[in-house]
């Protein structure tokens, strides 16, 4: 029996070993090396020079970092409000319609594009003298001289809307899956009691969408914190670094300015913020779910 158990454990390690080794190699070792670099002065050529917490002190007094921190907050708030709200509205309004899936397809197609593709399209439209400015000038409408991507914080808000155009469809799909999993009996009972429209949605549908909402909002928080491709494509964080987020600041400090230690410090800070935000949100959702189940058990 003991021999069989030992063979089973060896077989399990034989299957788990290669995968665990790959995870350690491509995930944990780079994180450890980045953490090490964050305490050094390193330009990518000479040997790293240990400087302690100097990089972190520099980061938190750097105006560019403080600007990117504020822009990242705008991205988080905007991503939670616009694509999540629009996706929920699309799912709720199209659910139950005979051809509702056809209404969702136009919103889902942009998700097939890469972030770089979205940035290129919107950059072509909104750049100084771009397609939108030319169209407004041709039609003799106001706004032709507006520098859409050159003025902060308007350029950040515009890029949030571009990201929302890409992400609203997949959020609608996730919410639709959640709507399909809701049992029909409670909804029919609520309709018999006179609940319709907004009242039905607020009191019955929205609470039962909690699992889907948790997934959508959790993904939105993480994606907004690490947003890079659309910003780098549309503005490169400019002009004068006024539209950078933490991810773009990390890239600029590391690979453009060759301040590898400073960029590593930003990377570690961004990682801590992302993990902390995810854990706090998920713990809150789990606590609310446990409280809801407890209230139901008490009522029963």
Protein backbone atom coordinates (compact mmCIF):
# COMPACT_ATOMS: atom_id res chain seq x y z
CA UNK A 1 0.00 0.00 0.00
CA UNK A 2 2.80 2.39 0.97
CA UNK A 3 4.69 1.46 -2.20
CA UNK A 4 1.61 2.19 -4.31
CA UNK A 5 1.22 5.56 -2.62
CA UNK A 6 4.89 6.39 -3.29
CA UNK A 7 4.52 5.46 -6.96
CA UNK A 8 1.42 7.63 -7.17
CA UNK A 9 3.29 10.61 -5.70
CA UNK A 10 6.19 10.11 -8.12
CA UNK A 11 3.81 9.97 -11.05
CA UNK A 12 2.09 13.13 -9.82
CA UNK A 13 5.41 14.98 -9.54
CA UNK A 14 6.41 13.74 -12.97
CA UNK A 15 3.31 15.42 -14.43
CA UNK A 16 3.54 18.56 -12.27
CA UNK A 17 7.30 19.04 -12.46
CA UNK A 18 7.66 20.37 -16.03
CA UNK A 19 4.74 22.79 -15.61
CA UNK A 20 6.01 24.01 -12.26
CA UNK A 21 9.49 24.50 -13.73
CA UNK A 22 8.10 26.58 -16.58
CA UNK A 23 6.10 28.76 -14.16
CA UNK A 24 9.17 29.35 -12.00
CA UNK A 25 11.30 30.11 -15.05
CA UNK A 26 8.98 32.55 -16.86
CA UNK A 27 7.14 34.09 -13.89
CA UNK A 28 8.83 33.92 -10.51
CA UNK A 29 12.47 34.37 -11.56
CA UNK A 30 11.75 37.54 -13.61
CA UNK A 31 9.78 38.99 -10.67
CA UNK A 32 12.64 38.26 -8.28
CA UNK A 33 15.16 39.78 -10.71
CA UNK A 34 12.98 42.87 -11.18
CA UNK A 35 12.72 43.25 -7.41
CA UNK A 36 16.51 43.07 -7.21
CA UNK A 37 16.96 45.68 -9.96
CA UNK A 38 14.56 48.04 -8.18
CA UNK A 39 17.20 48.45 -5.46
CA UNK A 40 20.01 49.18 -7.92
CA UNK A 41 21.25 51.81 -10.33
CA UNK A 42 21.50 50.06 -13.68
CA UNK A 43 21.63 51.33 -17.26
CA UNK A 44 21.61 47.95 -18.99
CA UNK A 45 25.36 48.02 -19.71
CA UNK A 46 27.43 48.36 -16.55
CA UNK A 47 26.98 46.13 -13.52
CA UNK A 48 24.03 46.98 -11.25
CA UNK A 49 24.99 49.25 -8.34
CA UNK A 50 23.03 48.77 -5.12
CA UNK A 51 21.35 52.03 -4.02
CA UNK A 52 18.78 50.78 -1.51
CA UNK A 53 15.45 52.64 -1.54
CA UNK A 54 16.73 55.53 -3.66
CA UNK A 55 14.70 54.48 -6.70
CA UNK A 56 11.49 54.34 -4.70
CA UNK A 57 12.17 57.79 -3.20
CA UNK A 58 12.83 59.14 -6.69
CA UNK A 59 9.66 57.56 -8.06
CA UNK A 60 7.38 59.11 -5.47
CA UNK A 61 8.84 62.58 -6.03
CA UNK A 62 8.88 62.38 -9.84
CA UNK A 63 6.16 64.60 -11.42
CA UNK A 64 5.84 62.19 -14.35
CA UNK A 65 5.11 59.31 -11.97
CA UNK A 66 2.52 61.33 -10.05
CA UNK A 67 0.85 62.27 -13.34
CA UNK A 68 0.81 58.64 -14.48
CA UNK A 69 -0.65 57.63 -11.12
CA UNK A 70 -3.52 60.08 -11.62
CA UNK A 71 -4.05 58.92 -15.20
CA UNK A 72 -4.12 55.30 -14.02
CA UNK A 73 -6.86 56.25 -11.55
CA UNK A 74 -8.82 57.82 -14.44
CA UNK A 75 -8.40 54.60 -16.41
CA UNK A 76 -9.65 52.45 -13.53
CA UNK A 77 -12.71 54.63 -12.92
CA UNK A 78 -13.45 55.09 -16.61
CA UNK A 79 -13.09 51.39 -17.38
CA UNK A 80 -15.45 50.47 -14.55
CA UNK A 81 -18.06 53.05 -15.57
CA UNK A 82 -18.07 53.02 -19.38
CA UNK A 83 -17.36 49.53 -20.82
CA UNK A 84 -18.88 47.71 -17.84
CA UNK A 85 -21.96 49.96 -17.82
CA UNK A 86 -22.38 49.83 -21.60
CA UNK A 87 -21.85 46.07 -21.64
CA UNK A 88 -24.48 45.59 -18.94
CA UNK A 89 -26.93 47.83 -20.80
CA UNK A 90 -26.39 45.93 -24.07
CA UNK A 91 -26.87 42.57 -22.38
CA UNK A 92 -29.98 43.64 -20.45
CA UNK A 93 -31.67 45.33 -23.42
CA UNK A 94 -30.95 42.56 -25.93
CA UNK A 95 -31.57 39.59 -23.63
CA UNK A 96 -34.80 37.79 -24.35
CA UNK A 97 -35.22 39.33 -27.81
CA UNK A 98 -35.66 36.90 -30.66
CA UNK A 99 -32.71 38.31 -32.62
CA UNK A 100 -30.83 39.68 -29.63
CA UNK A 101 -27.59 37.93 -30.58
CA UNK A 102 -27.53 39.92 -33.84
CA UNK A 103 -27.69 43.14 -31.85
CA UNK A 104 -24.69 42.10 -29.77
CA UNK A 105 -22.43 41.11 -32.68
CA UNK A 106 -21.49 44.69 -33.78
CA UNK A 107 -20.35 45.42 -30.22
CA UNK A 108 -18.41 42.16 -29.97
CA UNK A 109 -16.47 42.49 -33.23
CA UNK A 110 -14.06 45.21 -31.96
CA UNK A 111 -12.83 42.77 -29.32
CA UNK A 112 -11.28 40.73 -32.14
CA UNK A 113 -8.89 43.64 -32.78
CA UNK A 114 -5.68 44.00 -30.83
CA UNK A 115 -5.10 46.99 -28.60
CA UNK A 116 -2.50 48.20 -31.09
CA UNK A 117 -5.07 47.97 -33.89
CA UNK A 118 -7.58 49.99 -31.89
CA UNK A 119 -4.89 52.58 -31.11
CA UNK A 120 -3.93 52.88 -34.78
CA UNK A 121 -7.54 53.36 -35.89
CA UNK A 122 -8.41 55.97 -33.26
CA UNK A 123 -5.03 57.65 -33.62
CA UNK A 124 -5.65 58.07 -37.37
CA UNK A 125 -9.06 59.57 -36.65
CA UNK A 126 -8.14 61.83 -33.73
CA UNK A 127 -4.57 62.97 -34.38
CA UNK A 128 -3.91 66.64 -35.11
CA UNK A 129 -5.17 67.19 -38.64
CA UNK A 130 -6.55 63.65 -38.70
CA UNK A 131 -9.69 62.24 -40.24
CA UNK A 132 -12.08 63.81 -37.70
CA UNK A 133 -10.53 67.28 -37.98
CA UNK A 134 -10.60 67.09 -41.77
CA UNK A 135 -14.22 65.96 -41.80
CA UNK A 136 -15.27 68.78 -39.46
CA UNK A 137 -13.38 71.32 -41.57
CA UNK A 138 -14.96 70.02 -44.78
CA UNK A 139 -18.44 70.29 -43.25
CA UNK A 140 -17.63 73.72 -41.76
CA UNK A 141 -18.42 72.48 -38.26
CA UNK A 142 -16.74 73.64 -35.04
CA UNK A 143 -13.96 71.55 -33.54
CA UNK A 144 -11.74 71.19 -36.60
CA UNK A 145 -8.83 72.85 -34.77
CA UNK A 146 -9.26 70.83 -31.57
CA UNK A 147 -6.14 68.92 -30.59
CA UNK A 148 -7.89 65.81 -29.35
CA UNK A 149 -4.79 63.89 -28.27
CA UNK A 150 -2.60 66.79 -27.17
CA UNK A 151 -4.47 68.18 -24.19
CA UNK A 152 -4.64 66.53 -20.77
CA UNK A 153 -6.73 65.06 -19.26
CA UNK A 154 -8.93 65.04 -22.35
CA UNK A 155 -6.53 62.77 -24.24
CA UNK A 156 -6.68 60.20 -21.43
CA UNK A 157 -10.48 60.30 -21.40
CA UNK A 158 -10.56 59.83 -25.19
CA UNK A 159 -8.29 56.79 -24.92
CA UNK A 160 -10.52 55.35 -22.19
CA UNK A 161 -13.46 55.69 -24.58
CA UNK A 162 -11.43 53.95 -27.31
CA UNK A 163 -10.74 51.08 -24.93
CA UNK A 164 -14.42 51.02 -24.00
CA UNK A 165 -15.34 50.67 -27.67
CA UNK A 166 -13.19 47.55 -27.76
CA UNK A 167 -14.20 46.05 -24.42
CA UNK A 168 -17.94 46.72 -24.12
CA UNK A 169 -18.88 43.80 -26.36
CA UNK A 170 -17.09 41.11 -24.39
CA UNK A 171 -18.55 42.51 -21.16
CA UNK A 172 -21.99 42.27 -22.77
CA UNK A 173 -21.25 38.64 -23.66
CA UNK A 174 -20.23 37.81 -20.08
CA UNK A 175 -23.31 39.52 -18.67
CA UNK A 176 -25.49 37.66 -21.20
CA UNK A 177 -24.07 34.35 -19.98
CA UNK A 178 -24.94 35.45 -16.45
CA UNK A 179 -28.48 36.37 -17.48
CA UNK A 180 -28.93 32.96 -19.10
CA UNK A 181 -27.98 31.26 -15.83
CA UNK A 182 -30.65 33.09 -13.80
CA UNK A 183 -33.60 30.78 -12.98
CA UNK A 184 -36.86 31.88 -14.59
CA UNK A 185 -39.19 31.02 -11.71
CA UNK A 186 -38.20 33.93 -9.39
CA UNK A 187 -38.49 36.38 -12.28
CA UNK A 188 -41.92 35.10 -13.25
CA UNK A 189 -43.05 35.35 -9.63
CA UNK A 190 -41.76 38.92 -9.46
CA UNK A 191 -43.61 39.84 -12.65
CA UNK A 192 -46.82 38.38 -11.21
CA UNK A 193 -46.30 40.62 -8.16
CA UNK A 194 -46.11 43.60 -10.50
CA UNK A 195 -42.33 44.12 -10.81
CA UNK A 196 -41.37 45.28 -14.29
CA UNK A 197 -38.65 47.27 -16.01
CA UNK A 198 -36.16 49.01 -13.74
CA UNK A 199 -37.79 47.67 -10.57
CA UNK A 200 -37.45 44.07 -11.79
CA UNK A 201 -33.85 44.64 -12.82
CA UNK A 202 -32.84 46.39 -9.57
CA UNK A 203 -34.53 44.00 -7.15
CA UNK A 204 -34.20 40.64 -8.90
CA UNK A 205 -31.89 40.52 -11.92
CA UNK A 206 -29.00 42.65 -10.66
CA UNK A 207 -28.53 40.75 -7.35
CA UNK A 208 -28.56 37.42 -9.20
CA UNK A 209 -25.92 38.73 -11.64
CA UNK A 210 -23.37 39.02 -8.84
CA UNK A 211 -21.11 36.15 -10.06
CA UNK A 212 -20.86 37.63 -13.56
CA UNK A 213 -20.41 41.13 -12.17
CA UNK A 214 -17.55 39.93 -9.98
CA UNK A 215 -15.75 38.46 -12.99
CA UNK A 216 -16.33 41.46 -15.25
CA UNK A 217 -15.31 44.09 -12.70
CA UNK A 218 -12.31 42.05 -11.53
CA UNK A 219 -11.01 41.70 -15.09
CA UNK A 220 -11.69 45.39 -15.77
CA UNK A 221 -9.68 46.49 -12.74
CA UNK A 222 -6.66 44.38 -13.70
CA UNK A 223 -6.80 45.37 -17.39
CA UNK A 224 -7.12 49.07 -16.63
CA UNK A 225 -4.14 49.01 -14.26
CA UNK A 226 -1.86 47.44 -16.85
CA UNK A 227 -3.12 49.35 -19.91
CA UNK A 228 -0.23 49.98 -22.30
CA UNK A 229 -0.85 49.18 -25.96
CA UNK A 230 -3.57 51.73 -26.78
CA UNK A 231 -1.72 54.55 -25.01
CA UNK A 232 1.64 53.73 -26.56
CA UNK A 233 0.06 53.59 -30.02
CA UNK A 234 -2.05 56.75 -29.78
CA UNK A 235 0.10 59.21 -27.80
CA UNK A 236 3.24 57.38 -26.59
CA UNK A 237 2.36 58.91 -23.24
CA UNK A 238 2.75 62.46 -24.56
CA UNK A 239 2.91 65.24 -25.08
CA UNK A 240 5.55 65.72 -22.39
CA UNK A 241 4.43 62.49 -20.61
CA UNK A 242 1.04 63.96 -19.60
CA UNK A 243 -0.96 60.92 -20.76
CA UNK A 244 1.21 58.18 -19.31
CA UNK A 245 -0.11 55.47 -17.04
CA UNK A 246 2.02 53.41 -14.67
CA UNK A 247 2.65 50.77 -17.34
CA UNK A 248 3.80 53.36 -19.86
CA UNK A 249 5.97 55.09 -17.25
CA UNK A 250 7.58 51.75 -16.47
CA UNK A 251 8.34 51.22 -20.17
CA UNK A 252 9.62 54.77 -20.70
CA UNK A 253 11.92 54.76 -17.67
CA UNK A 254 13.29 51.31 -18.48
CA UNK A 255 13.61 51.05 -22.25
CA UNK A 256 13.60 54.67 -23.44
CA UNK A 257 15.59 56.41 -20.71
CA UNK A 258 17.59 53.28 -19.74
CA UNK A 259 16.87 53.76 -16.04
CA UNK A 260 16.35 50.07 -15.36
CA UNK A 261 16.36 50.44 -11.60
CA UNK A 262 13.77 53.21 -11.71
CA UNK A 263 11.59 51.30 -14.17
CA UNK A 264 11.84 48.19 -12.00
CA UNK A 265 10.65 50.18 -8.98
CA UNK A 266 7.61 51.35 -10.96
CA UNK A 267 6.99 47.75 -12.09
CA UNK A 268 7.08 46.46 -8.51
CA UNK A 269 4.76 49.25 -7.35
CA UNK A 270 2.33 48.49 -10.19
CA UNK A 271 2.40 44.77 -9.37
CA UNK A 272 1.68 45.45 -5.70
CA UNK A 273 -1.20 47.79 -6.58
CA UNK A 274 -2.69 45.26 -9.03
CA UNK A 275 -2.49 42.32 -6.63
CA UNK A 276 -3.78 44.39 -3.70
CA UNK A 277 -6.73 45.79 -5.69
CA UNK A 278 -7.66 42.31 -6.92
CA UNK A 279 -7.44 40.75 -3.45
CA UNK A 280 -9.40 43.54 -1.76
CA UNK A 281 -12.15 43.41 -4.38
CA UNK A 282 -12.43 39.62 -4.40
CA UNK A 283 -12.40 39.43 -0.59
CA UNK A 284 -15.15 42.05 -0.43
CA UNK A 285 -17.24 40.13 -2.94
CA UNK A 286 -16.75 36.84 -1.09
CA UNK A 287 -17.67 38.52 2.20
CA UNK A 288 -20.82 40.00 0.66
CA UNK A 289 -21.70 36.60 -0.79
CA UNK A 290 -21.29 34.90 2.58
CA UNK A 291 -23.42 37.59 4.26
CA UNK A 292 -26.14 37.15 1.65
CA UNK A 293 -26.22 33.37 2.16
CA UNK A 294 -26.35 33.84 5.93
CA UNK A 295 -29.37 36.17 5.63
CA UNK A 296 -31.14 33.64 3.42
CA UNK A 297 -30.48 30.84 5.91
CA UNK A 298 -31.79 32.98 8.77
CA UNK A 299 -34.96 33.77 6.84
CA UNK A 300 -35.44 30.10 6.03
